[in-house]
Amino acid sequence: MPPDPAPPIVGVLETALYVDDMARSVDFFANVLGLAVMLRTERLTAFDAGARSVLLVFARGGSVDDVCGERGTVPGHDGSGPLHMALRIDADAYADWKARLNAHAVPIRGEMTWPAGGRSLYFEDPDGHVLELATPGLWRNY
């Protein structure tokens, strides 16, 4: 007997990275990548990552404990080591992004052309997380 179908997932809303120096990371994501800050606290900064997506940057170790309040509970979480995330870009913006990273002295760690024609630029944030800027054609749904 096949399993009951799950209700639909409509997208990824949030992605989280954990950083050692919040001010340094906010500067990088806001000034190098141009992401707008939506919320900033001592514990986290939320960036508008486009297309109804949010990048959460947490102070490493600052979100380990549950956060409980009158409206509910957010379970604790944390991460260590170099994590990975990809941001979508338009195909015609690839060269501009490559030039922008170079202008900000952000070393490009790798580039990839995918079988369906998508292209990826890989680089690191100040905490060593591997970030990717990817054009359409990387996945069959993008």
C-alpha atoms as a PDB file:
ATOM      1  CA  MET A   1       0.000   0.000   0.000  1.00  0.00           C
ATOM      2  CA  PRO A   2       1.539   3.359  -1.008  1.00  0.00           C
ATOM      3  CA  PRO A   3       2.053   5.957   1.728  1.00  0.00           C
ATOM      4  CA  ASP A   4      -0.400   8.798   2.088  1.00  0.00           C
ATOM      5  CA  PRO A   5       0.693  11.761  -0.033  1.00  0.00           C
ATOM      6  CA  ALA A   6       2.225  14.586   1.953  1.00  0.00           C
ATOM      7  CA  PRO A   7       0.771  18.080   1.736  1.00  0.00           C
ATOM      8  CA  PRO A   8       2.821  20.155  -0.733  1.00  0.00           C
ATOM      9  CA  ILE A   9       6.033  21.932   0.218  1.00  0.00           C
ATOM     10  CA  VAL A  10       6.108  25.299  -1.576  1.00  0.00           C
ATOM     11  CA  GLY A  11       9.760  26.244  -1.061  1.00  0.00           C
ATOM     12  CA  VAL A  12      12.602  26.773   1.364  1.00  0.00           C
ATOM     13  CA  LEU A  13      11.833  29.790   3.537  1.00  0.00           C
ATOM     14  CA  GLU A  14      14.961  30.046   5.682  1.00  0.00           C
ATOM     15  CA  THR A  15      18.563  28.921   5.513  1.00  0.00           C
ATOM     16  CA  ALA A  16      20.871  29.398   8.499  1.00  0.00           C
ATOM     17  CA  LEU A  17      24.588  29.960   8.889  1.00  0.00           C
ATOM     18  CA  TYR A  18      26.456  30.229  12.202  1.00  0.00           C
ATOM     19  CA  VAL A  19      29.212  32.823  12.510  1.00  0.00           C
ATOM     20  CA  ASP A  20      31.889  33.879  14.980  1.00  0.00           C
ATOM     21  CA  ASP A  21      31.784  37.640  14.373  1.00  0.00           C
ATOM     22  CA  MET A  22      28.301  39.023  13.694  1.00  0.00           C
ATOM     23  CA  ALA A  23      29.453  42.538  12.712  1.00  0.00           C
ATOM     24  CA  ARG A  24      31.960  41.146  10.196  1.00  0.00           C
ATOM     25  CA  SER A  25      29.324  38.828   8.705  1.00  0.00           C
ATOM     26  CA  VAL A  26      26.661  41.537   8.512  1.00  0.00           C
ATOM     27  CA  ASP A  27      29.154  43.727   6.667  1.00  0.00           C
ATOM     28  CA  PHE A  28      29.924  40.906   4.210  1.00  0.00           C
ATOM     29  CA  PHE A  29      26.350  39.892   3.463  1.00  0.00           C
ATOM     30  CA  ALA A  30      25.032  43.468   3.325  1.00  0.00           C
ATOM     31  CA  ASN A  31      27.901  45.216   1.547  1.00  0.00           C
ATOM     32  CA  VAL A  32      29.484  42.516  -0.614  1.00  0.00           C
ATOM     33  CA  LEU A  33      26.378  40.499  -1.496  1.00  0.00           C
ATOM     34  CA  GLY A  34      23.948  43.407  -1.189  1.00  0.00           C
ATOM     35  CA  LEU A  35      21.384  41.578   0.957  1.00  0.00           C
ATOM     36  CA  ALA A  36      18.996  43.826   2.878  1.00  0.00           C
ATOM     37  CA  VAL A  37      18.833  43.394   6.661  1.00  0.00           C
ATOM     38  CA  MET A  38      15.284  42.603   7.801  1.00  0.00           C
ATOM     39  CA  LEU A  39      15.997  42.017  11.504  1.00  0.00           C
ATOM     40  CA  ARG A  40      19.092  42.427  13.624  1.00  0.00           C
ATOM     41  CA  THR A  41      19.530  41.313  17.217  1.00  0.00           C
ATOM     42  CA  GLU A  42      22.537  40.239  19.267  1.00  0.00           C
ATOM     43  CA  ARG A  43      21.631  36.606  18.525  1.00  0.00           C
ATOM     44  CA  LEU A  44      20.810  36.773  14.809  1.00  0.00           C
ATOM     45  CA  THR A  45      20.546  38.849  11.668  1.00  0.00           C
ATOM     46  CA  ALA A  46      17.896  38.057   9.061  1.00  0.00           C
ATOM     47  CA  PHE A  47      18.582  39.022   5.439  1.00  0.00           C
ATOM     48  CA  ASP A  48      16.161  39.226   2.524  1.00  0.00           C
ATOM     49  CA  ALA A  49      17.591  36.583   0.186  1.00  0.00           C
ATOM     50  CA  GLY A  50      15.087  37.278  -2.594  1.00  0.00           C
ATOM     51  CA  ALA A  51      12.177  35.228  -3.941  1.00  0.00           C
ATOM     52  CA  ARG A  52      10.519  34.944  -0.518  1.00  0.00           C
ATOM     53  CA  SER A  53      13.690  33.469   1.031  1.00  0.00           C
ATOM     54  CA  VAL A  54      15.477  34.504   4.208  1.00  0.00           C
ATOM     55  CA  LEU A  55      19.107  33.975   5.188  1.00  0.00           C
ATOM     56  CA  LEU A  56      19.473  33.745   8.961  1.00  0.00           C
ATOM     57  CA  VAL A  57      22.949  34.443  10.320  1.00  0.00           C
ATOM     58  CA  PHE A  58      23.239  33.325  13.938  1.00  0.00           C
ATOM     59  CA  ALA A  59      26.029  34.060  16.381  1.00  0.00           C
ATOM     60  CA  ARG A  60      27.713  30.676  16.798  1.00  0.00           C
ATOM     61  CA  GLY A  61      26.632  29.173  20.123  1.00  0.00           C
ATOM     62  CA  GLY A  62      24.010  31.882  20.634  1.00  0.00           C
ATOM     63  CA  SER A  63      21.017  29.797  19.602  1.00  0.00           C
ATOM     64  CA  VAL A  64      21.783  26.503  21.360  1.00  0.00           C
ATOM     65  CA  ASP A  65      19.060  26.941  23.982  1.00  0.00           C
ATOM     66  CA  ASP A  66      15.324  26.917  23.307  1.00  0.00           C
ATOM     67  CA  VAL A  67      13.765  30.379  23.107  1.00  0.00           C
ATOM     68  CA  CYS A  68      10.466  30.288  25.016  1.00  0.00           C
ATOM     69  CA  GLY A  69       7.944  33.064  25.290  1.00  0.00           C
ATOM     70  CA  GLU A  70       4.242  33.724  25.588  1.00  0.00           C
ATOM     71  CA  ARG A  71       3.776  33.094  21.828  1.00  0.00           C
ATOM     72  CA  GLY A  72       5.575  29.739  21.752  1.00  0.00           C
ATOM     73  CA  THR A  73       8.937  27.991  21.630  1.00  0.00           C
ATOM     74  CA  VAL A  74      11.712  27.964  19.045  1.00  0.00           C
ATOM     75  CA  PRO A  75      13.911  24.893  19.586  1.00  0.00           C
ATOM     76  CA  GLY A  76      17.636  25.460  20.053  1.00  0.00           C
ATOM     77  CA  HIS A  77      20.022  24.775  17.168  1.00  0.00           C
ATOM     78  CA  ASP A  78      23.605  25.455  16.137  1.00  0.00           C
ATOM     79  CA  GLY A  79      26.155  24.421  13.532  1.00  0.00           C
ATOM     80  CA  SER A  80      29.889  24.115  13.156  1.00  0.00           C
ATOM     81  CA  GLY A  81      32.361  23.613  10.384  1.00  0.00           C
ATOM     82  CA  PRO A  82      32.136  24.942   6.848  1.00  0.00           C
ATOM     83  CA  LEU A  83      28.516  24.837   5.739  1.00  0.00           C
ATOM     84  CA  HIS A  84      27.200  25.356   2.188  1.00  0.00           C
ATOM     85  CA  MET A  85      24.381  27.364   0.671  1.00  0.00           C
ATOM     86  CA  ALA A  86      23.564  28.598  -2.818  1.00  0.00           C
ATOM     87  CA  LEU A  87      21.869  31.809  -3.914  1.00  0.00           C
ATOM     88  CA  ARG A  88      20.020  32.040  -7.240  1.00  0.00           C
ATOM     89  CA  ILE A  89      21.200  34.592  -9.779  1.00  0.00           C
ATOM     90  CA  ASP A  90      20.119  35.387 -13.339  1.00  0.00           C
ATOM     91  CA  ALA A  91      22.299  33.908 -16.082  1.00  0.00           C
ATOM     92  CA  ASP A  92      23.119  37.358 -17.442  1.00  0.00           C
ATOM     93  CA  ALA A  93      24.386  38.469 -13.993  1.00  0.00           C
ATOM     94  CA  TYR A  94      27.138  35.823 -13.771  1.00  0.00           C
ATOM     95  CA  ALA A  95      29.953  37.999 -15.141  1.00  0.00           C
ATOM     96  CA  ASP A  96      28.836  40.972 -13.046  1.00  0.00           C
ATOM     97  CA  TRP A  97      28.908  38.841  -9.884  1.00  0.00           C
ATOM     98  CA  LYS A  98      32.341  37.499 -10.747  1.00  0.00           C
ATOM     99  CA  ALA A  99      33.608  41.062 -11.208  1.00  0.00           C
ATOM    100  CA  ARG A 100      31.949  42.191  -7.960  1.00  0.00           C
ATOM    101  CA  LEU A 101      33.559  39.405  -5.935  1.00  0.00           C
ATOM    102  CA  ASN A 102      36.934  40.262  -7.465  1.00  0.00           C
ATOM    103  CA  ALA A 103      36.414  43.981  -6.723  1.00  0.00           C
ATOM    104  CA  HIS A 104      35.748  43.116  -3.063  1.00  0.00           C
ATOM    105  CA  ALA A 105      38.829  40.847  -2.944  1.00  0.00           C
ATOM    106  CA  VAL A 106      36.696  37.748  -2.368  1.00  0.00           C
ATOM    107  CA  PRO A 107      38.642  34.788  -3.801  1.00  0.00           C
ATOM    108  CA  ILE A 108      36.675  32.535  -6.130  1.00  0.00           C
ATOM    109  CA  ARG A 109      37.240  28.941  -5.026  1.00  0.00           C
ATOM    110  CA  GLY A 110      35.679  27.305  -8.041  1.00  0.00           C
ATOM    111  CA  GLU A 111      33.420  27.549 -11.035  1.00  0.00           C
ATOM    112  CA  MET A 112      31.233  24.882 -12.592  1.00  0.00           C
ATOM    113  CA  THR A 113      29.210  24.565 -15.782  1.00  0.00           C
ATOM    114  CA  TRP A 114      26.403  22.063 -15.279  1.00  0.00           C
ATOM    115  CA  PRO A 115      25.079  19.597 -17.916  1.00  0.00           C
ATOM    116  CA  ALA A 116      21.808  21.535 -18.343  1.00  0.00           C
ATOM    117  CA  GLY A 117      23.715  24.788 -18.878  1.00  0.00           C
ATOM    118  CA  GLY A 118      23.642  26.345 -15.419  1.00  0.00           C
ATOM    119  CA  ARG A 119      26.791  27.901 -14.018  1.00  0.00           C
ATOM    120  CA  SER A 120      28.039  28.232 -10.443  1.00  0.00           C
ATOM    121  CA  LEU A 121      30.549  30.506  -8.729  1.00  0.00           C
ATOM    122  CA  TYR A 122      31.923  29.258  -5.396  1.00  0.00           C
ATOM    123  CA  PHE A 123      33.511  31.455  -2.727  1.00  0.00           C
ATOM    124  CA  GLU A 124      33.704  31.703   1.065  1.00  0.00           C
ATOM    125  CA  ASP A 125      32.171  34.060   3.586  1.00  0.00           C
ATOM    126  CA  PRO A 126      34.413  35.380   6.409  1.00  0.00           C
ATOM    127  CA  ASP A 127      33.696  32.239   8.494  1.00  0.00           C
ATOM    128  CA  GLY A 128      34.735  29.822   5.739  1.00  0.00           C
ATOM    129  CA  HIS A 129      31.232  28.769   4.717  1.00  0.00           C
ATOM    130  CA  VAL A 130      31.165  27.740   1.061  1.00  0.00           C
ATOM    131  CA  LEU A 131      28.730  30.000  -0.765  1.00  0.00           C
ATOM    132  CA  GLU A 132      27.519  29.535  -4.311  1.00  0.00           C
ATOM    133  CA  LEU A 133      25.912  31.848  -6.828  1.00  0.00           C
ATOM    134  CA  ALA A 134      24.012  29.670  -9.306  1.00  0.00           C
ATOM    135  CA  THR A 135      22.259  30.427 -12.584  1.00  0.00           C
ATOM    136  CA  PRO A 136      19.225  28.551 -13.942  1.00  0.00           C
ATOM    137  CA  GLY A 137      20.033  25.119 -15.304  1.00  0.00           C
ATOM    138  CA  LEU A 138      21.631  23.707 -12.167  1.00  0.00           C
ATOM    139  CA  TRP A 139      18.664  21.536 -11.126  1.00  0.00           C
ATOM    140  CA  ARG A 140      15.712  20.390 -13.214  1.00  0.00           C
ATOM    141  CA  ASN A 141      13.433  22.661 -11.113  1.00  0.00           C
ATOM    142  CA  TYR A 142      15.732  25.658 -11.537  1.00  0.00           C
END
